[in-house]
Amino acid sequence: MKKRLFLTLLPAFVMVVACFAQKPCKVMFYNIENFFDTIRDPQIYDQEFTPEGPKAWNSAKYYKKLANIERVLFGIAAVDKNYPAVIGVSEVENRNVLEDIVATPKLAPANYRIVHYDSPEARGVDVAFFYRPDIFKLEGSFPVKTVVPTLPNFRTRDILTMWGKIEGEPFFFMVAHWPSRLGGKEASAFKRMAVGRQMRSIADSVLRLNPATKIVAMGDFNDDPRDESIAECLGARLKMKELKKGDFYNPFAEMHKAGLGTLAYGDAWNLFDNIVVTENLATGSSGSLRLQKATGSKYYGNIFKQHYMLQKEGQYKGYPLRTYVGNNFQGGFSDHFPVYIYFAK
């Protein structure tokens, strides 16, 4: 009798354990720093990253960079033995480079699909998404031309959008690489503020159509969480308790306040790499998925920073280990650390 009862209850027990063992969804962003192929493209200014260019960029260096990116992305997967559901990247030249990344031996098991469009940026570097089709059910994508109203001929990276469902709930993703601080932070701020307003406008339009849509906006914003472009123009609130319906929440604001960052300049850390989410994902006010903290962390945001990604000596000791410093090949990864978040039921 006891044996029969045990056999009857066993399938239900296995199902309950499986439900509790289900891993949270992980979403990440990584500026992979000037990942060009070695082939000259006459349509863009990529001469610097060719075998004949000043950096003598060749196949050996390309495959070293490819192996480094594989190591980082797999390292993030190994944190909880779960490949990210969605990865946003910036500073990649073309689809061929993206296909090489997802085909690397340690990433191939994730079966990543690619969303990418060539953007009008003069050097040809773009933003893109990788996504796992077993988790994110893609319904569509579109590259939105970045607009700075006072500079009608300004050419930069697109705001790449894609939408679909995760566990039956509607999601809308954006990835962007905002204009740099070339010319100085204050002098160039109007460009980043314009892109922040544009992404806020896109989000508002999506939420008007379906307020239950969970929006995730990510990228290298070239500003910190408390700068006006992010906190006011994009409208990413710094604290969970400040949120109202339709607001964005920035999980990285408290990390930056604590002195953490994703890139270093002038002996100070910046946190330009952000992933912000709408209130309904931050608090779980609609649907069943909501933002989660990593086990043992006091923050909702996460920065992936490993010893092998660090400069070990010299003036830049402790900084991200770059591919190049000037034209000197360092064999490193990127000048940025990647960031990621979790959400789950």
C-alpha atoms as a PDB file:
ATOM      1  CA  MET A   1       0.000   0.000   0.000  1.00  0.00           C
ATOM      2  CA  LYS A   2       2.775   2.440   0.990  1.00  0.00           C
ATOM      3  CA  LYS A   3       4.720   1.546  -2.145  1.00  0.00           C
ATOM      4  CA  ARG A   4       1.654   2.131  -4.334  1.00  0.00           C
ATOM      5  CA  LEU A   5       1.013   5.511  -2.659  1.00  0.00           C
ATOM      6  CA  PHE A   6       4.656   6.523  -3.176  1.00  0.00           C
ATOM      7  CA  LEU A   7       4.505   5.624  -6.870  1.00  0.00           C
ATOM      8  CA  THR A   8       1.289   7.623  -7.206  1.00  0.00           C
ATOM      9  CA  LEU A   9       2.752  10.731  -5.588  1.00  0.00           C
ATOM     10  CA  LEU A  10       6.191  10.555  -7.234  1.00  0.00           C
ATOM     11  CA  PRO A  11       5.245  12.233 -10.552  1.00  0.00           C
ATOM     12  CA  ALA A  12       3.607  15.139  -8.715  1.00  0.00           C
ATOM     13  CA  PHE A  13       6.655  15.490  -6.474  1.00  0.00           C
ATOM     14  CA  VAL A  14       8.966  15.580  -9.509  1.00  0.00           C
ATOM     15  CA  MET A  15       6.813  18.275 -11.124  1.00  0.00           C
ATOM     16  CA  VAL A  16       6.923  20.455  -7.996  1.00  0.00           C
ATOM     17  CA  VAL A  17      10.703  20.092  -7.721  1.00  0.00           C
ATOM     18  CA  ALA A  18      11.051  20.991 -11.407  1.00  0.00           C
ATOM     19  CA  CYS A  19       8.989  24.138 -10.917  1.00  0.00           C
ATOM     20  CA  PHE A  20      11.101  25.286  -7.983  1.00  0.00           C
ATOM     21  CA  ALA A  21      14.288  24.396  -9.866  1.00  0.00           C
ATOM     22  CA  GLN A  22      13.327  26.569 -12.835  1.00  0.00           C
ATOM     23  CA  LYS A  23      16.045  29.166 -13.302  1.00  0.00           C
ATOM     24  CA  PRO A  24      15.314  32.904 -13.548  1.00  0.00           C
ATOM     25  CA  CYS A  25      15.604  34.589 -16.935  1.00  0.00           C
ATOM     26  CA  LYS A  26      18.866  36.445 -17.343  1.00  0.00           C
ATOM     27  CA  VAL A  27      19.224  39.469 -19.637  1.00  0.00           C
ATOM     28  CA  MET A  28      22.593  41.080 -20.287  1.00  0.00           C
ATOM     29  CA  PHE A  29      24.322  43.850 -22.200  1.00  0.00           C
ATOM     30  CA  TYR A  30      27.946  44.029 -23.323  1.00  0.00           C
ATOM     31  CA  ASN A  31      29.868  46.688 -25.229  1.00  0.00           C
ATOM     32  CA  ILE A  32      32.408  44.407 -26.880  1.00  0.00           C
ATOM     33  CA  GLU A  33      34.620  47.278 -28.100  1.00  0.00           C
ATOM     34  CA  ASN A  34      35.359  47.591 -31.784  1.00  0.00           C
ATOM     35  CA  PHE A  35      34.785  44.036 -32.944  1.00  0.00           C
ATOM     36  CA  PHE A  36      35.523  44.326 -36.670  1.00  0.00           C
ATOM     37  CA  ASP A  37      36.222  41.633 -39.189  1.00  0.00           C
ATOM     38  CA  THR A  38      39.489  41.939 -41.127  1.00  0.00           C
ATOM     39  CA  ILE A  39      37.951  42.706 -44.529  1.00  0.00           C
ATOM     40  CA  ARG A  40      37.954  46.250 -45.921  1.00  0.00           C
ATOM     41  CA  ASP A  41      34.450  47.566 -46.570  1.00  0.00           C
ATOM     42  CA  PRO A  42      34.539  50.596 -48.914  1.00  0.00           C
ATOM     43  CA  GLN A  43      31.105  51.733 -47.662  1.00  0.00           C
ATOM     44  CA  ILE A  44      32.403  52.544 -44.150  1.00  0.00           C
ATOM     45  CA  TYR A  45      35.495  53.913 -42.424  1.00  0.00           C
ATOM     46  CA  ASP A  46      36.962  50.629 -41.183  1.00  0.00           C
ATOM     47  CA  GLN A  47      40.524  51.056 -42.491  1.00  0.00           C
ATOM     48  CA  GLU A  48      41.882  51.131 -38.948  1.00  0.00           C
ATOM     49  CA  PHE A  49      40.807  47.515 -38.402  1.00  0.00           C
ATOM     50  CA  THR A  50      42.365  45.874 -41.449  1.00  0.00           C
ATOM     51  CA  PRO A  51      45.708  44.104 -41.894  1.00  0.00           C
ATOM     52  CA  GLU A  52      47.047  47.192 -43.709  1.00  0.00           C
ATOM     53  CA  GLY A  53      45.733  49.648 -41.099  1.00  0.00           C
ATOM     54  CA  PRO A  54      47.611  51.201 -38.155  1.00  0.00           C
ATOM     55  CA  LYS A  55      46.428  48.447 -35.808  1.00  0.00           C
ATOM     56  CA  ALA A  56      47.537  45.640 -38.154  1.00  0.00           C
ATOM     57  CA  TRP A  57      44.260  43.879 -37.383  1.00  0.00           C
ATOM     58  CA  ASN A  58      44.570  40.336 -38.743  1.00  0.00           C
ATOM     59  CA  SER A  59      43.019  36.876 -38.434  1.00  0.00           C
ATOM     60  CA  ALA A  60      45.136  35.852 -35.422  1.00  0.00           C
ATOM     61  CA  LYS A  61      44.015  38.947 -33.472  1.00  0.00           C
ATOM     62  CA  TYR A  62      40.426  38.495 -34.621  1.00  0.00           C
ATOM     63  CA  TYR A  63      40.270  34.907 -33.331  1.00  0.00           C
ATOM     64  CA  LYS A  64      41.910  35.934 -30.079  1.00  0.00           C
ATOM     65  CA  LYS A  65      39.171  38.544 -29.613  1.00  0.00           C
ATOM     66  CA  LEU A  66      36.519  35.969 -30.565  1.00  0.00           C
ATOM     67  CA  ALA A  67      37.815  33.523 -27.954  1.00  0.00           C
ATOM     68  CA  ASN A  68      37.826  36.292 -25.347  1.00  0.00           C
ATOM     69  CA  ILE A  69      34.203  37.235 -26.014  1.00  0.00           C
ATOM     70  CA  GLU A  70      33.228  33.553 -25.873  1.00  0.00           C
ATOM     71  CA  ARG A  71      34.982  33.276 -22.499  1.00  0.00           C
ATOM     72  CA  VAL A  72      33.083  36.231 -21.024  1.00  0.00           C
ATOM     73  CA  LEU A  73      29.651  35.241 -22.325  1.00  0.00           C
ATOM     74  CA  PHE A  74      30.108  31.653 -21.200  1.00  0.00           C
ATOM     75  CA  GLY A  75      31.416  32.932 -17.873  1.00  0.00           C
ATOM     76  CA  ILE A  76      28.150  34.769 -17.314  1.00  0.00           C
ATOM     77  CA  ALA A  77      26.233  31.613 -18.274  1.00  0.00           C
ATOM     78  CA  ALA A  78      28.315  29.617 -15.784  1.00  0.00           C
ATOM     79  CA  VAL A  79      27.364  31.918 -12.889  1.00  0.00           C
ATOM     80  CA  ASP A  80      24.122  29.968 -12.479  1.00  0.00           C
ATOM     81  CA  LYS A  81      24.581  27.328 -15.193  1.00  0.00           C
ATOM     82  CA  ASN A  82      22.055  29.105 -17.381  1.00  0.00           C
ATOM     83  CA  TYR A  83      22.653  30.910 -20.676  1.00  0.00           C
ATOM     84  CA  PRO A  84      21.182  34.438 -20.818  1.00  0.00           C
ATOM     85  CA  ALA A  85      17.794  34.553 -22.520  1.00  0.00           C
ATOM     86  CA  VAL A  86      18.626  37.846 -24.261  1.00  0.00           C
ATOM     87  CA  ILE A  87      21.992  39.497 -24.873  1.00  0.00           C
ATOM     88  CA  GLY A  88      22.357  43.012 -26.234  1.00  0.00           C
ATOM     89  CA  VAL A  89      25.734  43.984 -27.708  1.00  0.00           C
ATOM     90  CA  SER A  90      27.279  47.114 -29.182  1.00  0.00           C
ATOM     91  CA  GLU A  91      30.352  48.016 -31.260  1.00  0.00           C
ATOM     92  CA  VAL A  92      30.117  45.062 -33.638  1.00  0.00           C
ATOM     93  CA  GLU A  93      30.785  45.601 -37.346  1.00  0.00           C
ATOM     94  CA  ASN A  94      28.396  43.222 -39.074  1.00  0.00           C
ATOM     95  CA  ARG A  95      26.338  40.058 -38.995  1.00  0.00           C
ATOM     96  CA  ASN A  96      29.326  37.874 -39.926  1.00  0.00           C
ATOM     97  CA  VAL A  97      31.019  38.754 -36.638  1.00  0.00           C
ATOM     98  CA  LEU A  98      27.801  38.040 -34.733  1.00  0.00           C
ATOM     99  CA  GLU A  99      27.457  34.645 -36.412  1.00  0.00           C
ATOM    100  CA  ASP A 100      31.029  33.776 -35.465  1.00  0.00           C
ATOM    101  CA  ILE A 101      30.267  34.622 -31.819  1.00  0.00           C
ATOM    102  CA  VAL A 102      27.168  32.437 -31.508  1.00  0.00           C
ATOM    103  CA  ALA A 103      28.926  29.569 -33.315  1.00  0.00           C
ATOM    104  CA  THR A 104      31.788  29.333 -30.797  1.00  0.00           C
ATOM    105  CA  PRO A 105      31.876  25.912 -29.097  1.00  0.00           C
ATOM    106  CA  LYS A 106      30.837  27.099 -25.635  1.00  0.00           C
ATOM    107  CA  LEU A 107      27.952  29.267 -26.882  1.00  0.00           C
ATOM    108  CA  ALA A 108      26.614  26.990 -29.616  1.00  0.00           C
ATOM    109  CA  PRO A 109      24.554  24.868 -27.152  1.00  0.00           C
ATOM    110  CA  ALA A 110      22.385  27.926 -26.389  1.00  0.00           C
ATOM    111  CA  ASN A 111      21.213  27.913 -30.031  1.00  0.00           C
ATOM    112  CA  TYR A 112      21.202  31.725 -30.133  1.00  0.00           C
ATOM    113  CA  ARG A 113      19.389  33.596 -32.888  1.00  0.00           C
ATOM    114  CA  ILE A 114      20.462  37.056 -34.082  1.00  0.00           C
ATOM    115  CA  VAL A 115      18.597  40.338 -34.583  1.00  0.00           C
ATOM    116  CA  HIS A 116      20.790  42.828 -36.433  1.00  0.00           C
ATOM    117  CA  TYR A 117      20.521  45.632 -38.979  1.00  0.00           C
ATOM    118  CA  ASP A 118      23.305  47.720 -40.506  1.00  0.00           C
ATOM    119  CA  SER A 119      23.161  51.227 -39.066  1.00  0.00           C
ATOM    120  CA  PRO A 120      24.257  54.527 -40.652  1.00  0.00           C
ATOM    121  CA  GLU A 121      27.163  55.023 -38.211  1.00  0.00           C
ATOM    122  CA  ALA A 122      30.196  56.158 -40.218  1.00  0.00           C
ATOM    123  CA  ARG A 123      32.572  53.440 -38.965  1.00  0.00           C
ATOM    124  CA  GLY A 124      29.927  50.777 -39.469  1.00  0.00           C
ATOM    125  CA  VAL A 125      29.661  49.613 -35.850  1.00  0.00           C
ATOM    126  CA  ASP A 126      26.194  48.465 -34.848  1.00  0.00           C
ATOM    127  CA  VAL A 127      24.090  47.203 -31.973  1.00  0.00           C
ATOM    128  CA  ALA A 128      22.490  43.758 -32.030  1.00  0.00           C
ATOM    129  CA  PHE A 129      20.612  41.142 -30.026  1.00  0.00           C
ATOM    130  CA  PHE A 130      21.213  37.463 -29.393  1.00  0.00           C
ATOM    131  CA  TYR A 131      18.208  35.586 -28.050  1.00  0.00           C
ATOM    132  CA  ARG A 132      17.319  32.041 -27.062  1.00  0.00           C
ATOM    133  CA  PRO A 133      14.276  30.942 -29.091  1.00  0.00           C
ATOM    134  CA  ASP A 134      13.342  28.391 -26.420  1.00  0.00           C
ATOM    135  CA  ILE A 135      12.676  31.269 -23.979  1.00  0.00           C
ATOM    136  CA  PHE A 136      11.998  34.418 -26.006  1.00  0.00           C
ATOM    137  CA  LYS A 137       9.404  33.946 -28.726  1.00  0.00           C
ATOM    138  CA  LEU A 138      10.282  36.641 -31.260  1.00  0.00           C
ATOM    139  CA  GLU A 139       7.367  38.325 -33.014  1.00  0.00           C
ATOM    140  CA  GLY A 140       9.129  41.211 -34.746  1.00  0.00           C
ATOM    141  CA  SER A 141      12.020  43.669 -34.843  1.00  0.00           C
ATOM    142  CA  PHE A 142      12.773  47.114 -36.234  1.00  0.00           C
ATOM    143  CA  PRO A 143      15.778  49.505 -36.318  1.00  0.00           C
ATOM    144  CA  VAL A 144      14.646  52.994 -35.270  1.00  0.00           C
ATOM    145  CA  LYS A 145      16.781  55.785 -36.695  1.00  0.00           C
ATOM    146  CA  THR A 146      18.304  57.811 -33.878  1.00  0.00           C
ATOM    147  CA  VAL A 147      17.291  61.463 -34.161  1.00  0.00           C
ATOM    148  CA  VAL A 148      18.989  64.534 -32.690  1.00  0.00           C
ATOM    149  CA  PRO A 149      16.580  67.331 -33.752  1.00  0.00           C
ATOM    150  CA  THR A 150      19.194  70.098 -33.845  1.00  0.00           C
ATOM    151  CA  LEU A 151      21.557  67.951 -35.965  1.00  0.00           C
ATOM    152  CA  PRO A 152      19.439  66.656 -38.870  1.00  0.00           C
ATOM    153  CA  ASN A 153      22.432  65.041 -40.613  1.00  0.00           C
ATOM    154  CA  PHE A 154      23.791  63.353 -37.488  1.00  0.00           C
ATOM    155  CA  ARG A 155      24.720  59.705 -38.163  1.00  0.00           C
ATOM    156  CA  THR A 156      24.972  57.249 -35.312  1.00  0.00           C
ATOM    157  CA  ARG A 157      23.852  53.794 -34.215  1.00  0.00           C
ATOM    158  CA  ASP A 158      20.167  52.892 -34.503  1.00  0.00           C
ATOM    159  CA  ILE A 159      17.897  52.152 -31.569  1.00  0.00           C
ATOM    160  CA  LEU A 160      17.288  48.471 -32.245  1.00  0.00           C
ATOM    161  CA  THR A 161      13.936  47.124 -31.073  1.00  0.00           C
ATOM    162  CA  MET A 162      12.469  43.627 -30.909  1.00  0.00           C
ATOM    163  CA  TRP A 163       9.324  42.256 -29.342  1.00  0.00           C
ATOM    164  CA  GLY A 164       7.718  38.951 -28.467  1.00  0.00           C
ATOM    165  CA  LYS A 165       6.780  36.851 -25.452  1.00  0.00           C
ATOM    166  CA  ILE A 166       8.479  35.203 -22.494  1.00  0.00           C
ATOM    167  CA  GLU A 167       6.338  32.642 -20.693  1.00  0.00           C
ATOM    168  CA  GLY A 168       3.319  34.072 -22.490  1.00  0.00           C
ATOM    169  CA  GLU A 169       3.903  37.647 -21.288  1.00  0.00           C
ATOM    170  CA  PRO A 170       4.548  40.484 -23.795  1.00  0.00           C
ATOM    171  CA  PHE A 171       8.078  41.925 -23.848  1.00  0.00           C
ATOM    172  CA  PHE A 172       9.629  44.796 -25.807  1.00  0.00           C
ATOM    173  CA  PHE A 173      13.424  45.169 -25.905  1.00  0.00           C
ATOM    174  CA  MET A 174      15.545  48.132 -26.974  1.00  0.00           C
ATOM    175  CA  VAL A 175      19.325  48.311 -27.296  1.00  0.00           C
ATOM    176  CA  ALA A 176      21.244  51.474 -28.153  1.00  0.00           C
ATOM    177  CA  HIS A 177      24.694  53.010 -28.039  1.00  0.00           C
ATOM    178  CA  TRP A 178      24.203  56.678 -27.236  1.00  0.00           C
ATOM    179  CA  PRO A 179      26.445  59.451 -28.654  1.00  0.00           C
ATOM    180  CA  SER A 180      29.845  59.732 -27.028  1.00  0.00           C
ATOM    181  CA  ARG A 181      31.242  62.503 -24.837  1.00  0.00           C
ATOM    182  CA  LEU A 182      33.508  63.686 -27.642  1.00  0.00           C
ATOM    183  CA  GLY A 183      34.073  67.401 -27.131  1.00  0.00           C
ATOM    184  CA  GLY A 184      33.313  67.140 -23.415  1.00  0.00           C
ATOM    185  CA  LYS A 185      30.485  65.835 -21.266  1.00  0.00           C
ATOM    186  CA  GLU A 186      28.524  69.086 -21.046  1.00  0.00           C
ATOM    187  CA  ALA A 187      29.014  70.160 -24.656  1.00  0.00           C
ATOM    188  CA  SER A 188      27.803  66.801 -25.982  1.00  0.00           C
ATOM    189  CA  ALA A 189      25.033  66.190 -23.410  1.00  0.00           C
ATOM    190  CA  PHE A 190      22.243  67.469 -25.685  1.00  0.00           C
ATOM    191  CA  LYS A 191      22.803  64.526 -28.039  1.00  0.00           C
ATOM    192  CA  ARG A 192      22.367  61.913 -25.309  1.00  0.00           C
ATOM    193  CA  MET A 193      19.405  63.786 -23.879  1.00  0.00           C
ATOM    194  CA  ALA A 194      17.734  63.675 -27.297  1.00  0.00           C
ATOM    195  CA  VAL A 195      18.198  59.892 -27.539  1.00  0.00           C
ATOM    196  CA  GLY A 196      16.915  59.458 -23.982  1.00  0.00           C
ATOM    197  CA  ARG A 197      13.732  61.353 -24.883  1.00  0.00           C
ATOM    198  CA  GLN A 198      13.356  59.320 -28.076  1.00  0.00           C
ATOM    199  CA  MET A 199      13.586  55.996 -26.236  1.00  0.00           C
ATOM    200  CA  ARG A 200      11.132  57.287 -23.623  1.00  0.00           C
ATOM    201  CA  SER A 201       8.735  58.203 -26.449  1.00  0.00           C
ATOM    202  CA  ILE A 202       9.052  54.712 -27.965  1.00  0.00           C
ATOM    203  CA  ALA A 203       8.314  53.136 -24.587  1.00  0.00           C
ATOM    204  CA  ASP A 204       5.291  55.377 -24.025  1.00  0.00           C
ATOM    205  CA  SER A 205       3.884  54.423 -27.439  1.00  0.00           C
ATOM    206  CA  VAL A 206       4.278  50.721 -26.684  1.00  0.00           C
ATOM    207  CA  LEU A 207       2.602  51.050 -23.277  1.00  0.00           C
ATOM    208  CA  ARG A 208      -0.319  52.989 -24.756  1.00  0.00           C
ATOM    209  CA  LEU A 209      -1.000  50.065 -27.065  1.00  0.00           C
ATOM    210  CA  ASN A 210      -0.654  47.481 -24.291  1.00  0.00           C
ATOM    211  CA  PRO A 211       0.062  48.635 -20.703  1.00  0.00           C
ATOM    212  CA  ALA A 212       0.949  45.040 -19.739  1.00  0.00           C
ATOM    213  CA  THR A 213       4.021  45.013 -22.018  1.00  0.00           C
ATOM    214  CA  LYS A 214       7.253  44.689 -20.060  1.00  0.00           C
ATOM    215  CA  ILE A 215       9.935  46.918 -21.563  1.00  0.00           C
ATOM    216  CA  VAL A 216      13.681  46.384 -21.168  1.00  0.00           C
ATOM    217  CA  ALA A 217      15.967  49.149 -22.490  1.00  0.00           C
ATOM    218  CA  MET A 218      19.707  48.583 -22.464  1.00  0.00           C
ATOM    219  CA  GLY A 219      22.930  49.888 -23.857  1.00  0.00           C
ATOM    220  CA  ASP A 220      26.053  51.940 -23.477  1.00  0.00           C
ATOM    221  CA  PHE A 221      24.431  55.267 -22.651  1.00  0.00           C
ATOM    222  CA  ASN A 222      27.745  57.148 -22.250  1.00  0.00           C
ATOM    223  CA  ASP A 223      26.261  58.670 -19.095  1.00  0.00           C
ATOM    224  CA  ASP A 224      25.841  57.532 -15.502  1.00  0.00           C
ATOM    225  CA  PRO A 225      22.460  56.620 -13.939  1.00  0.00           C
ATOM    226  CA  ARG A 226      22.066  60.000 -12.215  1.00  0.00           C
ATOM    227  CA  ASP A 227      22.845  62.090 -15.301  1.00  0.00           C
ATOM    228  CA  GLU A 228      19.934  64.039 -16.767  1.00  0.00           C
ATOM    229  CA  SER A 229      19.834  62.032 -20.005  1.00  0.00           C
ATOM    230  CA  ILE A 230      18.987  58.831 -18.112  1.00  0.00           C
ATOM    231  CA  ALA A 231      17.265  59.999 -14.934  1.00  0.00           C
ATOM    232  CA  GLU A 232      15.098  62.700 -16.514  1.00  0.00           C
ATOM    233  CA  CYS A 233      14.961  62.327 -20.312  1.00  0.00           C
ATOM    234  CA  LEU A 234      14.664  58.541 -20.320  1.00  0.00           C
ATOM    235  CA  GLY A 235      12.873  58.773 -16.979  1.00  0.00           C
ATOM    236  CA  ALA A 236      14.692  55.907 -15.257  1.00  0.00           C
ATOM    237  CA  ARG A 237      13.974  56.254 -11.532  1.00  0.00           C
ATOM    238  CA  LEU A 238      16.749  55.606  -9.069  1.00  0.00           C
ATOM    239  CA  LYS A 239      14.720  53.874  -6.363  1.00  0.00           C
ATOM    240  CA  MET A 240      12.065  51.165  -6.536  1.00  0.00           C
ATOM    241  CA  LYS A 241       9.811  53.006  -4.063  1.00  0.00           C
ATOM    242  CA  GLU A 242       9.640  56.033  -6.395  1.00  0.00           C
ATOM    243  CA  LEU A 243       8.032  54.067  -9.233  1.00  0.00           C
ATOM    244  CA  LYS A 244       4.679  54.905 -10.762  1.00  0.00           C
ATOM    245  CA  LYS A 245       2.962  53.060 -13.593  1.00  0.00           C
ATOM    246  CA  GLY A 246       4.827  53.542 -16.868  1.00  0.00           C
ATOM    247  CA  ASP A 247       8.097  54.600 -15.212  1.00  0.00           C
ATOM    248  CA  PHE A 248      11.451  53.014 -15.891  1.00  0.00           C
ATOM    249  CA  TYR A 249      13.545  51.714 -13.000  1.00  0.00           C
ATOM    250  CA  ASN A 250      17.358  51.662 -13.116  1.00  0.00           C
ATOM    251  CA  PRO A 251      18.749  48.657 -11.168  1.00  0.00           C
ATOM    252  CA  PHE A 252      22.287  50.076 -11.448  1.00  0.00           C
ATOM    253  CA  ALA A 253      21.788  53.458  -9.793  1.00  0.00           C
ATOM    254  CA  GLU A 254      22.537  52.243  -6.265  1.00  0.00           C
ATOM    255  CA  MET A 255      25.587  50.348  -7.514  1.00  0.00           C
ATOM    256  CA  HIS A 256      27.023  53.515  -9.046  1.00  0.00           C
ATOM    257  CA  LYS A 257      26.288  55.447  -5.863  1.00  0.00           C
ATOM    258  CA  ALA A 258      28.339  52.818  -3.999  1.00  0.00           C
ATOM    259  CA  GLY A 259      31.329  53.472  -6.272  1.00  0.00           C
ATOM    260  CA  LEU A 260      30.914  50.538  -8.653  1.00  0.00           C
ATOM    261  CA  GLY A 261      31.301  50.913 -12.392  1.00  0.00           C
ATOM    262  CA  THR A 262      31.736  49.248 -15.762  1.00  0.00           C
ATOM    263  CA  LEU A 263      34.548  51.374 -17.188  1.00  0.00           C
ATOM    264  CA  ALA A 264      37.263  53.575 -15.749  1.00  0.00           C
ATOM    265  CA  TYR A 265      38.625  56.918 -16.868  1.00  0.00           C
ATOM    266  CA  GLY A 266      40.844  59.364 -15.033  1.00  0.00           C
ATOM    267  CA  ASP A 267      41.045  57.256 -11.856  1.00  0.00           C
ATOM    268  CA  ALA A 268      37.241  57.216 -11.533  1.00  0.00           C
ATOM    269  CA  TRP A 269      34.614  54.592 -12.314  1.00  0.00           C
ATOM    270  CA  ASN A 270      31.654  55.286 -14.572  1.00  0.00           C
ATOM    271  CA  LEU A 271      28.578  53.124 -15.053  1.00  0.00           C
ATOM    272  CA  PHE A 272      27.626  53.851 -18.646  1.00  0.00           C
ATOM    273  CA  ASP A 273      26.275  50.341 -19.270  1.00  0.00           C
ATOM    274  CA  ASN A 274      22.680  50.235 -18.109  1.00  0.00           C
ATOM    275  CA  ILE A 275      19.661  47.954 -18.297  1.00  0.00           C
ATOM    276  CA  VAL A 276      16.449  49.689 -17.255  1.00  0.00           C
ATOM    277  CA  VAL A 277      13.020  48.078 -16.935  1.00  0.00           C
ATOM    278  CA  THR A 278       9.466  49.357 -16.754  1.00  0.00           C
ATOM    279  CA  GLU A 279       7.601  49.448 -13.454  1.00  0.00           C
ATOM    280  CA  ASN A 280       5.461  46.422 -14.334  1.00  0.00           C
ATOM    281  CA  LEU A 281       8.608  44.245 -14.593  1.00  0.00           C
ATOM    282  CA  ALA A 282      10.379  45.868 -11.644  1.00  0.00           C
ATOM    283  CA  THR A 283       7.480  45.332  -9.240  1.00  0.00           C
ATOM    284  CA  GLY A 284       5.489  42.587 -10.966  1.00  0.00           C
ATOM    285  CA  SER A 285       2.376  44.776 -11.040  1.00  0.00           C
ATOM    286  CA  SER A 286       1.163  42.962 -14.165  1.00  0.00           C
ATOM    287  CA  GLY A 287       1.747  39.334 -15.119  1.00  0.00           C
ATOM    288  CA  SER A 288       3.836  37.039 -12.946  1.00  0.00           C
ATOM    289  CA  LEU A 289       7.413  37.908 -13.959  1.00  0.00           C
ATOM    290  CA  ARG A 290       9.316  40.459 -11.904  1.00  0.00           C
ATOM    291  CA  LEU A 291      12.855  41.670 -11.270  1.00  0.00           C
ATOM    292  CA  GLN A 292      14.942  39.520  -8.914  1.00  0.00           C
ATOM    293  CA  LYS A 293      18.181  39.983  -7.006  1.00  0.00           C
ATOM    294  CA  ALA A 294      21.001  37.524  -7.540  1.00  0.00           C
ATOM    295  CA  THR A 295      21.529  35.127  -4.651  1.00  0.00           C
ATOM    296  CA  GLY A 296      23.388  36.945  -1.881  1.00  0.00           C
ATOM    297  CA  SER A 297      23.325  40.337  -3.615  1.00  0.00           C
ATOM    298  CA  LYS A 298      21.812  43.528  -2.230  1.00  0.00           C
ATOM    299  CA  TYR A 299      21.436  44.992  -5.736  1.00  0.00           C
ATOM    300  CA  TYR A 300      19.029  44.250  -8.574  1.00  0.00           C
ATOM    301  CA  GLY A 301      21.804  44.962 -11.096  1.00  0.00           C
ATOM    302  CA  ASN A 302      24.903  42.831 -11.664  1.00  0.00           C
ATOM    303  CA  ILE A 303      28.337  43.608 -13.126  1.00  0.00           C
ATOM    304  CA  PHE A 304      30.433  40.722 -14.439  1.00  0.00           C
ATOM    305  CA  LYS A 305      34.043  41.395 -13.474  1.00  0.00           C
ATOM    306  CA  GLN A 306      36.568  38.553 -13.347  1.00  0.00           C
ATOM    307  CA  HIS A 307      40.319  38.601 -12.675  1.00  0.00           C
ATOM    308  CA  TYR A 308      41.158  37.578 -16.231  1.00  0.00           C
ATOM    309  CA  MET A 309      39.288  40.640 -17.552  1.00  0.00           C
ATOM    310  CA  LEU A 310      41.518  43.077 -15.622  1.00  0.00           C
ATOM    311  CA  GLN A 311      44.689  44.921 -16.476  1.00  0.00           C
ATOM    312  CA  LYS A 312      47.273  43.406 -14.106  1.00  0.00           C
ATOM    313  CA  GLU A 313      49.942  46.125 -13.985  1.00  0.00           C
ATOM    314  CA  GLY A 314      50.978  49.611 -14.959  1.00  0.00           C
ATOM    315  CA  GLN A 315      49.037  52.861 -15.079  1.00  0.00           C
ATOM    316  CA  TYR A 316      45.740  51.105 -15.790  1.00  0.00           C
ATOM    317  CA  LYS A 317      46.032  48.319 -13.225  1.00  0.00           C
ATOM    318  CA  GLY A 318      42.545  47.130 -12.213  1.00  0.00           C
ATOM    319  CA  TYR A 319      40.891  48.665 -15.283  1.00  0.00           C
ATOM    320  CA  PRO A 320      39.195  46.488 -17.941  1.00  0.00           C
ATOM    321  CA  LEU A 321      41.798  44.712 -20.091  1.00  0.00           C
ATOM    322  CA  ARG A 322      41.278  46.172 -23.551  1.00  0.00           C
ATOM    323  CA  THR A 323      41.954  44.794 -27.007  1.00  0.00           C
ATOM    324  CA  TYR A 324      44.130  47.803 -27.827  1.00  0.00           C
ATOM    325  CA  VAL A 325      45.612  50.784 -26.049  1.00  0.00           C
ATOM    326  CA  GLY A 326      46.184  53.155 -28.922  1.00  0.00           C
ATOM    327  CA  ASN A 327      47.634  50.945 -31.642  1.00  0.00           C
ATOM    328  CA  ASN A 328      49.274  48.575 -29.166  1.00  0.00           C
ATOM    329  CA  PHE A 329      47.565  45.177 -29.121  1.00  0.00           C
ATOM    330  CA  GLN A 330      46.821  44.030 -25.566  1.00  0.00           C
ATOM    331  CA  GLY A 331      44.989  40.810 -26.410  1.00  0.00           C
ATOM    332  CA  GLY A 332      42.212  41.780 -24.032  1.00  0.00           C
ATOM    333  CA  PHE A 333      38.434  41.777 -23.959  1.00  0.00           C
ATOM    334  CA  SER A 334      36.817  45.224 -23.914  1.00  0.00           C
ATOM    335  CA  ASP A 335      37.078  48.600 -22.219  1.00  0.00           C
ATOM    336  CA  HIS A 336      33.704  47.840 -20.575  1.00  0.00           C
ATOM    337  CA  PHE A 337      32.470  45.163 -18.187  1.00  0.00           C
ATOM    338  CA  PRO A 338      29.132  43.516 -19.097  1.00  0.00           C
ATOM    339  CA  VAL A 339      25.999  43.960 -16.983  1.00  0.00           C
ATOM    340  CA  TYR A 340      23.003  41.717 -16.403  1.00  0.00           C
ATOM    341  CA  ILE A 341      19.716  41.395 -14.537  1.00  0.00           C
ATOM    342  CA  TYR A 342      17.391  38.566 -13.485  1.00  0.00           C
ATOM    343  CA  PHE A 343      13.641  38.239 -13.548  1.00  0.00           C
ATOM    344  CA  ALA A 344      11.417  35.310 -12.615  1.00  0.00           C
ATOM    345  CA  LYS A 345       7.976  34.351 -11.356  1.00  0.00           C
END
